[in-house]
């Protein structure tokens, strides 16, 4: 039985659905084997590291853009415009 269907079958009441504490305590949630959990954790950690590196790179590029825009707008730096 799907989890949402299981909870629905456990809930009582017509206006306010409720599940008793005992039913939740006895509810078993299937987990993947420990080696698979570890592999999932490794993959998620690698993704987190990559996201952090990309966030830092983006911040650096934004600082560079801000600096270059300031140089251009103040006239300290000129660009040749080709026609």
N, C-alpha and C. Protein backbone atom coordinates (compact mmCIF):
# COMPACT_ATOMS: atom_id res chain seq x y z
N UNK A 1 0.85 -1.18 0.00
CA UNK A 1 0.00 0.00 0.00
C UNK A 1 0.89 1.24 0.00
N UNK A 2 0.56 2.22 -0.80
CA UNK A 2 1.34 3.46 -0.85
C UNK A 2 1.28 4.17 0.49
N UNK A 3 2.31 4.91 0.83
CA UNK A 3 2.39 5.58 2.11
C UNK A 3 1.21 6.51 2.34
N UNK A 4 0.86 7.34 1.36
CA UNK A 4 -0.26 8.27 1.54
C UNK A 4 -1.56 7.50 1.74
N UNK A 5 -1.73 6.38 1.04
CA UNK A 5 -2.93 5.58 1.21
C UNK A 5 -2.94 4.94 2.60
N UNK A 6 -1.78 4.54 3.09
CA UNK A 6 -1.67 3.94 4.41
C UNK A 6 -2.07 4.95 5.48
N UNK A 7 -1.54 6.17 5.38
CA UNK A 7 -1.90 7.21 6.34
C UNK A 7 -3.39 7.54 6.26
N UNK A 8 -3.91 7.59 5.06
CA UNK A 8 -5.33 7.88 4.88
C UNK A 8 -6.19 6.82 5.55
N UNK A 9 -5.77 5.57 5.45
CA UNK A 9 -6.56 4.49 6.06
C UNK A 9 -6.46 4.53 7.58
N UNK A 10 -5.36 5.07 8.11
CA UNK A 10 -5.19 5.16 9.56
C UNK A 10 -5.91 6.37 10.15
N UNK A 11 -6.15 7.38 9.36
CA UNK A 11 -6.72 8.62 9.88
C UNK A 11 -8.20 8.43 10.21
N UNK A 12 -8.63 9.20 11.21
CA UNK A 12 -10.01 9.13 11.66
C UNK A 12 -10.59 10.54 11.69
N UNK A 13 -11.90 10.64 11.62
CA UNK A 13 -12.58 11.92 11.72
C UNK A 13 -13.04 12.39 10.36
N UNK A 14 -14.10 13.19 10.36
CA UNK A 14 -14.62 13.67 9.08
C UNK A 14 -14.21 15.11 8.80
N UNK A 15 -14.13 15.94 9.83
CA UNK A 15 -13.76 17.33 9.64
C UNK A 15 -12.26 17.51 9.80
N UNK A 16 -11.72 16.92 10.84
CA UNK A 16 -10.30 17.04 11.15
C UNK A 16 -9.71 15.64 11.19
N UNK A 17 -8.89 15.32 10.22
CA UNK A 17 -8.27 14.00 10.17
C UNK A 17 -7.15 13.93 11.19
N UNK A 18 -7.08 12.83 11.91
CA UNK A 18 -6.04 12.66 12.93
C UNK A 18 -5.55 11.22 12.91
N UNK A 19 -4.31 11.05 13.28
CA UNK A 19 -3.72 9.72 13.41
C UNK A 19 -3.24 9.60 14.85
N UNK A 20 -3.54 8.49 15.47
CA UNK A 20 -3.13 8.28 16.85
C UNK A 20 -1.62 8.05 16.94
N UNK A 21 -1.05 8.48 18.04
CA UNK A 21 0.38 8.36 18.28
C UNK A 21 0.85 6.91 18.14
N UNK A 22 0.09 5.98 18.66
CA UNK A 22 0.46 4.57 18.61
C UNK A 22 0.59 4.07 17.17
N UNK A 23 -0.28 4.57 16.29
CA UNK A 23 -0.24 4.14 14.90
C UNK A 23 1.02 4.66 14.20
N UNK A 24 1.42 5.86 14.54
CA UNK A 24 2.63 6.43 13.94
C UNK A 24 3.87 5.74 14.50
N UNK A 25 3.87 5.45 15.79
CA UNK A 25 5.02 4.77 16.40
C UNK A 25 5.25 3.39 15.78
N UNK A 26 4.19 2.72 15.40
CA UNK A 26 4.31 1.37 14.84
C UNK A 26 4.46 1.36 13.32
N UNK A 27 4.40 2.53 12.70
CA UNK A 27 4.48 2.61 11.25
C UNK A 27 5.91 2.36 10.82
N UNK A 28 6.10 1.40 9.94
CA UNK A 28 7.44 1.06 9.48
C UNK A 28 7.73 1.75 8.16
N UNK A 29 8.87 2.42 8.10
CA UNK A 29 9.30 3.11 6.89
C UNK A 29 10.46 2.32 6.30
N UNK A 30 10.30 1.84 5.07
CA UNK A 30 11.39 1.06 4.47
C UNK A 30 12.58 1.95 4.14
N UNK A 31 13.75 1.46 4.44
CA UNK A 31 15.00 2.17 4.16
C UNK A 31 15.87 1.31 3.25
N UNK A 32 16.64 1.97 2.38
CA UNK A 32 17.56 1.18 1.56
C UNK A 32 18.66 0.59 2.44
N UNK A 33 19.34 -0.43 1.97
CA UNK A 33 20.44 -1.03 2.75
C UNK A 33 21.51 0.03 3.05
N UNK A 34 22.25 -0.18 4.13
CA UNK A 34 23.25 0.78 4.59
C UNK A 34 24.27 1.14 3.51
N UNK A 35 24.80 0.19 2.74
CA UNK A 35 25.75 0.59 1.68
C UNK A 35 25.11 1.54 0.66
N UNK A 36 23.85 1.32 0.34
CA UNK A 36 23.16 2.20 -0.59
C UNK A 36 22.94 3.59 0.03
N UNK A 37 22.62 3.61 1.32
CA UNK A 37 22.46 4.90 2.01
C UNK A 37 23.76 5.68 1.99
N UNK A 38 24.87 4.97 2.22
CA UNK A 38 26.19 5.63 2.20
C UNK A 38 26.51 6.18 0.82
N UNK A 39 26.20 5.42 -0.22
CA UNK A 39 26.45 5.86 -1.60
C UNK A 39 25.61 7.09 -1.91
N UNK A 40 24.36 7.08 -1.50
CA UNK A 40 23.48 8.24 -1.69
C UNK A 40 24.07 9.45 -0.99
N UNK A 41 24.55 9.26 0.25
CA UNK A 41 25.14 10.36 1.01
C UNK A 41 26.39 10.89 0.32
N UNK A 42 27.22 10.00 -0.24
CA UNK A 42 28.42 10.43 -0.97
C UNK A 42 28.04 11.28 -2.19
N UNK A 43 27.05 10.82 -2.92
CA UNK A 43 26.62 11.56 -4.12
C UNK A 43 26.08 12.93 -3.73
N UNK A 44 25.25 12.97 -2.70
CA UNK A 44 24.69 14.26 -2.26
C UNK A 44 25.78 15.19 -1.75
N UNK A 45 26.78 14.65 -1.06
CA UNK A 45 27.90 15.47 -0.59
C UNK A 45 28.68 16.05 -1.77
N UNK A 46 28.89 15.22 -2.79
CA UNK A 46 29.61 15.70 -3.99
C UNK A 46 28.81 16.80 -4.67
N UNK A 47 27.51 16.65 -4.75
CA UNK A 47 26.66 17.68 -5.35
C UNK A 47 26.72 18.96 -4.51
N UNK A 48 26.69 18.83 -3.19
CA UNK A 48 26.80 20.01 -2.31
C UNK A 48 28.12 20.74 -2.53
N UNK A 49 29.22 19.99 -2.65
CA UNK A 49 30.53 20.61 -2.88
C UNK A 49 30.53 21.36 -4.22
N UNK A 50 29.99 20.73 -5.24
CA UNK A 50 29.92 21.35 -6.58
C UNK A 50 29.08 22.63 -6.53
N UNK A 51 27.94 22.57 -5.85
CA UNK A 51 27.09 23.76 -5.73
C UNK A 51 27.81 24.90 -5.01
N UNK A 52 28.55 24.56 -3.97
CA UNK A 52 29.30 25.58 -3.23
C UNK A 52 30.37 26.21 -4.11
N UNK A 53 31.08 25.38 -4.88
CA UNK A 53 32.09 25.92 -5.80
C UNK A 53 31.46 26.83 -6.84
N UNK A 54 30.33 26.42 -7.39
CA UNK A 54 29.64 27.24 -8.39
C UNK A 54 29.12 28.53 -7.78
N UNK A 55 28.65 28.47 -6.53
CA UNK A 55 28.18 29.69 -5.85
C UNK A 55 29.32 30.68 -5.69
N UNK A 56 30.49 30.17 -5.26
CA UNK A 56 31.67 31.04 -5.09
C UNK A 56 32.12 31.64 -6.43
N UNK A 57 32.10 30.80 -7.47
CA UNK A 57 32.48 31.27 -8.81
C UNK A 57 31.53 32.36 -9.28
N UNK A 58 30.25 32.16 -9.06
CA UNK A 58 29.25 33.16 -9.46
C UNK A 58 29.48 34.48 -8.71
N UNK A 59 29.72 34.39 -7.40
CA UNK A 59 29.98 35.60 -6.62
C UNK A 59 31.22 36.33 -7.14
N UNK A 60 32.26 35.58 -7.48
CA UNK A 60 33.48 36.19 -8.01
C UNK A 60 33.20 36.90 -9.34
N UNK A 61 32.45 36.23 -10.22
CA UNK A 61 32.11 36.84 -11.50
C UNK A 61 31.24 38.08 -11.32
N UNK A 62 30.33 38.04 -10.36
CA UNK A 62 29.49 39.22 -10.09
C UNK A 62 30.33 40.39 -9.59
N UNK A 63 31.33 40.10 -8.73
CA UNK A 63 32.23 41.17 -8.25
C UNK A 63 33.03 41.75 -9.41
N UNK A 64 33.51 40.86 -10.29
CA UNK A 64 34.27 41.33 -11.45
C UNK A 64 33.40 42.20 -12.35
N UNK A 65 32.19 41.77 -12.59
CA UNK A 65 31.26 42.53 -13.43
C UNK A 65 31.00 43.91 -12.82
N UNK A 66 30.76 43.92 -11.51
CA UNK A 66 30.49 45.19 -10.83
C UNK A 66 31.68 46.13 -10.97
N UNK A 67 32.89 45.59 -10.79
CA UNK A 67 34.09 46.41 -10.92
C UNK A 67 34.27 46.93 -12.34
N UNK A 68 34.06 46.07 -13.33
CA UNK A 68 34.21 46.49 -14.72
C UNK A 68 33.15 47.52 -15.10
N UNK A 69 31.92 47.32 -14.64
CA UNK A 69 30.86 48.29 -14.93
C UNK A 69 31.21 49.65 -14.33
N UNK A 70 31.75 49.63 -13.14
CA UNK A 70 32.15 50.88 -12.51
C UNK A 70 33.26 51.56 -13.32
N UNK A 71 34.24 50.79 -13.77
CA UNK A 71 35.32 51.33 -14.59
C UNK A 71 34.77 51.96 -15.88
N UNK A 72 33.83 51.26 -16.51
CA UNK A 72 33.25 51.76 -17.77
C UNK A 72 32.39 53.00 -17.54
N UNK A 73 31.58 52.98 -16.50
CA UNK A 73 30.66 54.09 -16.26
C UNK A 73 31.37 55.37 -15.80
N UNK A 74 32.51 55.21 -15.13
CA UNK A 74 33.26 56.39 -14.69
C UNK A 74 34.21 56.89 -15.78
N UNK A 75 34.35 56.11 -16.85
CA UNK A 75 35.23 56.53 -17.94
C UNK A 75 36.67 56.17 -17.74
N UNK A 76 37.00 55.48 -16.68
CA UNK A 76 38.39 55.07 -16.45
C UNK A 76 38.82 53.99 -17.43
N UNK A 77 37.88 53.32 -17.99
CA UNK A 77 38.17 52.28 -18.96
C UNK A 77 37.32 52.56 -20.19
N UNK A 78 37.93 52.45 -21.34
CA UNK A 78 37.24 52.69 -22.61
C UNK A 78 37.17 51.40 -23.40
N UNK A 79 36.13 51.28 -24.19
CA UNK A 79 35.98 50.13 -25.08
C UNK A 79 35.81 50.64 -26.48
N UNK A 80 36.42 49.93 -27.41
CA UNK A 80 36.24 50.29 -28.82
C UNK A 80 34.94 49.63 -29.30
N UNK A 81 34.13 50.43 -29.94
CA UNK A 81 32.88 49.93 -30.50
C UNK A 81 33.04 49.83 -32.01
N UNK A 82 32.90 48.65 -32.53
CA UNK A 82 33.03 48.45 -33.97
C UNK A 82 31.69 48.67 -34.63
N UNK A 83 31.74 49.32 -35.74
CA UNK A 83 30.50 49.63 -36.46
C UNK A 83 30.27 48.66 -37.57
